[in-house]
Every structure is written in C-alpha cells, then in structure tokens.
Amino acid sequence: MKTIQEIKEMLSRSEGEQALEAANEIVENKTVGRETLATAYYLRGNAYRQNGNVRMALNSYLESMELDPDGPAAEAYRHIQELLDFYNKDYYNP
C-alpha cells in the first residue's frame, strides 16, 4: 500500500490513475485512522478531478469533509461548486 506522501507525489506528476488506485487502497483499508482516511478521500478527490471526473471528485470531498470538516476538502469542494455555479451572462443573452 502506498503512503499519503507517495500519492501526493503521483498527483504532482499528473499520474492521476495511479494516484486514484493508491488512494482507493487506503480508503478500502479498514485499519487506517480517521485523519489518514480523511486525507485519502481528499487525495482521491484530487485524482478524480485530475482525471476529469468532477462528480466523483465532489463525492470524495464530501466523504473527507464528513471525517474532517475543517480539512482541505472543504475548500476544494467550495471551489468546484463555484466553478460549476458560474455562468457568463453575455453567452446567454445575445
């Protein structure tokens, strides 16, 4: 099983698929602590986002937020929601 740091390094090298697999291993491991699990869900969300799956990224961020409401997943979730909620009036009103 990969470590949290190894998953972060994979994401920094744009290895989203490998990072996703490694994060899933941690999430499925029932012996990890709450903090590690929250971080793994957050990193899994980052991997999903990097792979273009925004919906699964949001779901992973929500899982992380349930475990750690003040963690980085809350900000990542908010940023994606802001992007999804944005629209340019000029494009809709010719």
Foldseek 3Di string as FASTA:
>chain_A
DDALVVLVVCVVVLVLVVSLVVLVVVCPDPPDDLLRNLSSLQSNLSSCVSVPNNVSSLVSLVVSCVSPVPDPSVVVNVVVVVVVPDDDVVVVPD
